[in-house]
Amino acid sequence: MVTITTPNKNTFDRYALSDENTLEGIHLATSYPFLCRLTRQEAILAQGSTNEDWSAMCKLIASRTGHVIEGQIQIDYLTINGNRRVFH
């Protein structure tokens, strides 16, 4: 007998992408615009207070998208819950 379980709603929410949570910037080598929609987990880390939070978010994004942020992308804007603000 095979039992199929469905992840609960919180699991889907954690990994759902939204235009309300994004990073925007410029790729330093090419000057191409960069836009990355964030998962809930990445958005929480983006608002963290430590370098470790930021590094963890960057690793998650690199794993999910292949985009390396640290040293490659100049982040200009962080949008959380639809509130866009200048990053630095």
N, C-alpha and C. Protein backbone atom coordinates (compact mmCIF):
# COMPACT_ATOMS: atom_id res chain seq x y z
N MET A 1 0.84 -1.17 0.00
CA MET A 1 0.00 0.00 0.00
C MET A 1 0.90 1.25 0.00
N VAL A 2 0.58 2.21 -0.85
CA VAL A 2 1.33 3.45 -0.96
C VAL A 2 0.49 4.57 -0.35
N THR A 3 1.11 5.32 0.54
CA THR A 3 0.43 6.45 1.15
C THR A 3 1.01 7.73 0.56
N ILE A 4 0.16 8.58 0.05
CA ILE A 4 0.57 9.85 -0.51
C ILE A 4 0.17 10.94 0.46
N THR A 5 1.15 11.74 0.87
CA THR A 5 0.83 12.84 1.76
C THR A 5 0.97 14.15 1.01
N THR A 6 0.14 15.06 1.33
CA THR A 6 0.17 16.39 0.73
C THR A 6 0.79 17.36 1.72
N PRO A 7 1.79 18.13 1.27
CA PRO A 7 2.37 19.12 2.19
C PRO A 7 1.30 20.10 2.66
N ASN A 8 1.45 20.56 3.89
CA ASN A 8 0.46 21.50 4.40
C ASN A 8 0.65 22.87 3.75
N LYS A 9 -0.33 23.74 3.96
CA LYS A 9 -0.32 25.07 3.34
C LYS A 9 0.92 25.87 3.72
N ASN A 10 1.43 25.73 4.95
CA ASN A 10 2.61 26.48 5.37
C ASN A 10 3.84 26.12 4.55
N THR A 11 3.94 24.86 4.12
CA THR A 11 5.06 24.46 3.28
C THR A 11 5.00 25.19 1.95
N PHE A 12 3.81 25.26 1.35
CA PHE A 12 3.68 25.96 0.08
C PHE A 12 3.96 27.44 0.24
N ASP A 13 3.48 28.05 1.33
CA ASP A 13 3.70 29.47 1.57
C ASP A 13 5.19 29.79 1.68
N ARG A 14 5.95 28.90 2.29
CA ARG A 14 7.37 29.15 2.51
C ARG A 14 8.12 29.24 1.19
N TYR A 15 7.68 28.48 0.19
CA TYR A 15 8.40 28.43 -1.08
C TYR A 15 7.71 29.18 -2.22
N ALA A 16 6.56 29.77 -1.96
CA ALA A 16 5.83 30.50 -2.99
C ALA A 16 6.56 31.81 -3.31
N LEU A 17 6.64 32.13 -4.59
CA LEU A 17 7.27 33.38 -5.03
C LEU A 17 6.20 34.45 -5.18
N SER A 18 6.59 35.68 -4.91
CA SER A 18 5.63 36.78 -4.98
C SER A 18 6.34 38.04 -5.48
N ASP A 19 5.61 38.85 -6.25
CA ASP A 19 6.14 40.15 -6.66
C ASP A 19 6.21 41.12 -5.49
N GLU A 20 5.65 40.74 -4.35
CA GLU A 20 5.68 41.60 -3.17
C GLU A 20 7.00 41.49 -2.42
N ASN A 21 7.80 40.48 -2.73
CA ASN A 21 9.10 40.28 -2.08
C ASN A 21 10.16 40.10 -3.16
N THR A 22 10.97 41.14 -3.39
CA THR A 22 11.96 41.08 -4.47
C THR A 22 13.26 41.78 -4.09
N LEU A 23 14.30 41.42 -4.81
CA LEU A 23 15.56 42.15 -4.82
C LEU A 23 15.73 42.71 -6.22
N GLU A 24 16.15 43.97 -6.33
CA GLU A 24 16.40 44.58 -7.63
C GLU A 24 17.78 45.22 -7.62
N GLY A 25 18.47 45.09 -8.73
CA GLY A 25 19.79 45.69 -8.81
C GLY A 25 20.37 45.60 -10.20
N ILE A 26 21.70 45.67 -10.24
CA ILE A 26 22.45 45.67 -11.50
C ILE A 26 23.58 44.65 -11.40
N HIS A 27 23.74 43.84 -12.43
CA HIS A 27 24.88 42.92 -12.48
C HIS A 27 26.12 43.75 -12.74
N LEU A 28 27.13 43.62 -11.88
CA LEU A 28 28.30 44.49 -11.94
C LEU A 28 29.13 44.32 -13.21
N ALA A 29 29.26 43.11 -13.72
CA ALA A 29 30.11 42.87 -14.89
C ALA A 29 29.43 43.26 -16.20
N THR A 30 28.11 43.12 -16.25
CA THR A 30 27.41 43.32 -17.52
C THR A 30 26.52 44.56 -17.53
N SER A 31 26.22 45.12 -16.37
CA SER A 31 25.28 46.23 -16.20
C SER A 31 23.85 45.86 -16.57
N TYR A 32 23.55 44.55 -16.67
CA TYR A 32 22.18 44.12 -16.92
C TYR A 32 21.36 44.29 -15.65
N PRO A 33 20.08 44.67 -15.81
CA PRO A 33 19.22 44.76 -14.63
C PRO A 33 19.01 43.37 -14.03
N PHE A 34 18.84 43.33 -12.74
CA PHE A 34 18.64 42.09 -12.01
C PHE A 34 17.37 42.22 -11.18
N LEU A 35 16.50 41.23 -11.28
CA LEU A 35 15.29 41.16 -10.47
C LEU A 35 15.13 39.73 -10.00
N CYS A 36 14.98 39.56 -8.72
CA CYS A 36 14.80 38.22 -8.15
C CYS A 36 13.62 38.25 -7.19
N ARG A 37 12.61 37.44 -7.51
CA ARG A 37 11.50 37.28 -6.58
C ARG A 37 11.96 36.36 -5.45
N LEU A 38 11.55 36.68 -4.24
CA LEU A 38 12.01 35.95 -3.06
C LEU A 38 10.95 35.03 -2.50
N THR A 39 11.40 33.89 -1.99
CA THR A 39 10.50 33.04 -1.20
C THR A 39 10.31 33.70 0.15
N ARG A 40 9.37 33.21 0.91
CA ARG A 40 9.14 33.77 2.25
C ARG A 40 10.39 33.63 3.12
N GLN A 41 11.02 32.48 3.05
CA GLN A 41 12.23 32.24 3.84
C GLN A 41 13.34 33.20 3.44
N GLU A 42 13.53 33.43 2.14
CA GLU A 42 14.55 34.37 1.67
C GLU A 42 14.23 35.80 2.11
N ALA A 43 12.95 36.17 2.06
CA ALA A 43 12.54 37.52 2.47
C ALA A 43 12.83 37.75 3.95
N ILE A 44 12.60 36.74 4.77
CA ILE A 44 12.90 36.86 6.20
C ILE A 44 14.40 37.05 6.41
N LEU A 45 15.20 36.27 5.72
CA LEU A 45 16.66 36.39 5.85
C LEU A 45 17.16 37.73 5.31
N ALA A 46 16.53 38.24 4.24
CA ALA A 46 16.95 39.53 3.67
C ALA A 46 16.78 40.66 4.67
N GLN A 47 15.86 40.52 5.60
CA GLN A 47 15.62 41.53 6.62
C GLN A 47 16.41 41.27 7.90
N GLY A 48 17.22 40.23 7.87
CA GLY A 48 17.99 39.87 9.06
C GLY A 48 18.99 40.94 9.45
N SER A 49 19.54 40.77 10.63
CA SER A 49 20.44 41.79 11.16
C SER A 49 21.91 41.38 11.13
N THR A 50 22.20 40.21 10.58
CA THR A 50 23.59 39.75 10.58
C THR A 50 24.08 39.43 9.17
N ASN A 51 25.37 39.41 9.01
CA ASN A 51 25.96 39.00 7.73
C ASN A 51 25.65 37.54 7.43
N GLU A 52 25.50 36.74 8.48
CA GLU A 52 25.16 35.33 8.29
C GLU A 52 23.78 35.17 7.68
N ASP A 53 22.82 36.02 8.09
CA ASP A 53 21.48 35.99 7.50
C ASP A 53 21.56 36.30 6.01
N TRP A 54 22.31 37.34 5.66
CA TRP A 54 22.45 37.74 4.26
C TRP A 54 23.11 36.63 3.45
N SER A 55 24.18 36.05 3.98
CA SER A 55 24.89 34.97 3.28
C SER A 55 23.98 33.75 3.09
N ALA A 56 23.19 33.43 4.10
CA ALA A 56 22.26 32.30 3.98
C ALA A 56 21.23 32.57 2.89
N MET A 57 20.71 33.81 2.83
CA MET A 57 19.76 34.16 1.78
C MET A 57 20.41 34.03 0.40
N CYS A 58 21.63 34.53 0.27
CA CYS A 58 22.34 34.46 -1.01
C CYS A 58 22.56 33.02 -1.44
N LYS A 59 22.88 32.14 -0.50
CA LYS A 59 23.09 30.72 -0.82
C LYS A 59 21.78 30.07 -1.27
N LEU A 60 20.68 30.42 -0.61
CA LEU A 60 19.38 29.88 -1.01
C LEU A 60 19.02 30.32 -2.42
N ILE A 61 19.24 31.60 -2.72
CA ILE A 61 18.93 32.12 -4.06
C ILE A 61 19.82 31.47 -5.10
N ALA A 62 21.12 31.32 -4.80
CA ALA A 62 22.03 30.68 -5.75
C ALA A 62 21.62 29.23 -6.00
N SER A 63 21.21 28.54 -4.96
CA SER A 63 20.77 27.15 -5.10
C SER A 63 19.50 27.05 -5.93
N ARG A 64 18.59 27.98 -5.72
CA ARG A 64 17.29 27.95 -6.41
C ARG A 64 17.36 28.46 -7.85
N THR A 65 18.17 29.51 -8.08
CA THR A 65 18.15 30.18 -9.38
C THR A 65 19.45 30.08 -10.17
N GLY A 66 20.56 29.81 -9.47
CA GLY A 66 21.86 29.82 -10.12
C GLY A 66 22.52 31.20 -10.13
N HIS A 67 21.81 32.22 -9.64
CA HIS A 67 22.35 33.58 -9.59
C HIS A 67 23.19 33.77 -8.33
N VAL A 68 24.44 34.18 -8.53
CA VAL A 68 25.32 34.49 -7.41
C VAL A 68 25.21 35.99 -7.14
N ILE A 69 24.81 36.35 -5.94
CA ILE A 69 24.60 37.76 -5.62
C ILE A 69 25.87 38.40 -5.05
N GLU A 70 26.45 37.76 -4.04
CA GLU A 70 27.61 38.35 -3.36
C GLU A 70 28.77 38.52 -4.33
N GLY A 71 29.21 39.77 -4.49
CA GLY A 71 30.32 40.09 -5.37
C GLY A 71 29.95 40.21 -6.84
N GLN A 72 28.69 39.93 -7.19
CA GLN A 72 28.27 39.95 -8.59
C GLN A 72 27.16 40.94 -8.89
N ILE A 73 26.31 41.18 -7.90
CA ILE A 73 25.12 42.01 -8.10
C ILE A 73 25.14 43.18 -7.12
N GLN A 74 24.90 44.38 -7.62
CA GLN A 74 24.70 45.54 -6.77
C GLN A 74 23.20 45.64 -6.49
N ILE A 75 22.82 45.40 -5.25
CA ILE A 75 21.40 45.46 -4.89
C ILE A 75 21.02 46.91 -4.62
N ASP A 76 20.03 47.41 -5.34
CA ASP A 76 19.57 48.79 -5.19
C ASP A 76 18.28 48.89 -4.38
N TYR A 77 17.39 47.92 -4.55
CA TYR A 77 16.09 47.97 -3.87
C TYR A 77 15.73 46.61 -3.29
N LEU A 78 15.11 46.65 -2.13
CA LEU A 78 14.54 45.49 -1.48
C LEU A 78 13.06 45.78 -1.28
N THR A 79 12.22 44.91 -1.80
CA THR A 79 10.77 45.06 -1.63
C THR A 79 10.29 43.92 -0.74
N ILE A 80 9.67 44.28 0.37
CA ILE A 80 9.10 43.30 1.30
C ILE A 80 7.65 43.68 1.53
N ASN A 81 6.77 42.69 1.33
CA ASN A 81 5.32 42.90 1.48
C ASN A 81 4.84 44.09 0.67
N GLY A 82 5.44 44.29 -0.51
CA GLY A 82 5.02 45.37 -1.40
C GLY A 82 5.63 46.72 -1.09
N ASN A 83 6.42 46.83 -0.03
CA ASN A 83 7.05 48.09 0.36
C ASN A 83 8.47 48.14 -0.20
N ARG A 84 8.63 48.91 -1.27
CA ARG A 84 9.93 49.02 -1.94
C ARG A 84 10.75 50.11 -1.27
N ARG A 85 12.00 49.75 -0.92
CA ARG A 85 12.87 50.75 -0.29
C ARG A 85 14.28 50.62 -0.84
N VAL A 86 15.00 51.72 -0.80
CA VAL A 86 16.40 51.72 -1.22
C VAL A 86 17.15 50.80 -0.28
N PHE A 87 17.99 49.96 -0.86
CA PHE A 87 18.64 48.92 -0.05
C PHE A 87 19.72 49.46 0.88
N HIS A 88 20.59 50.31 0.41
CA HIS A 88 21.66 50.83 1.27
C HIS A 88 21.50 52.29 1.52
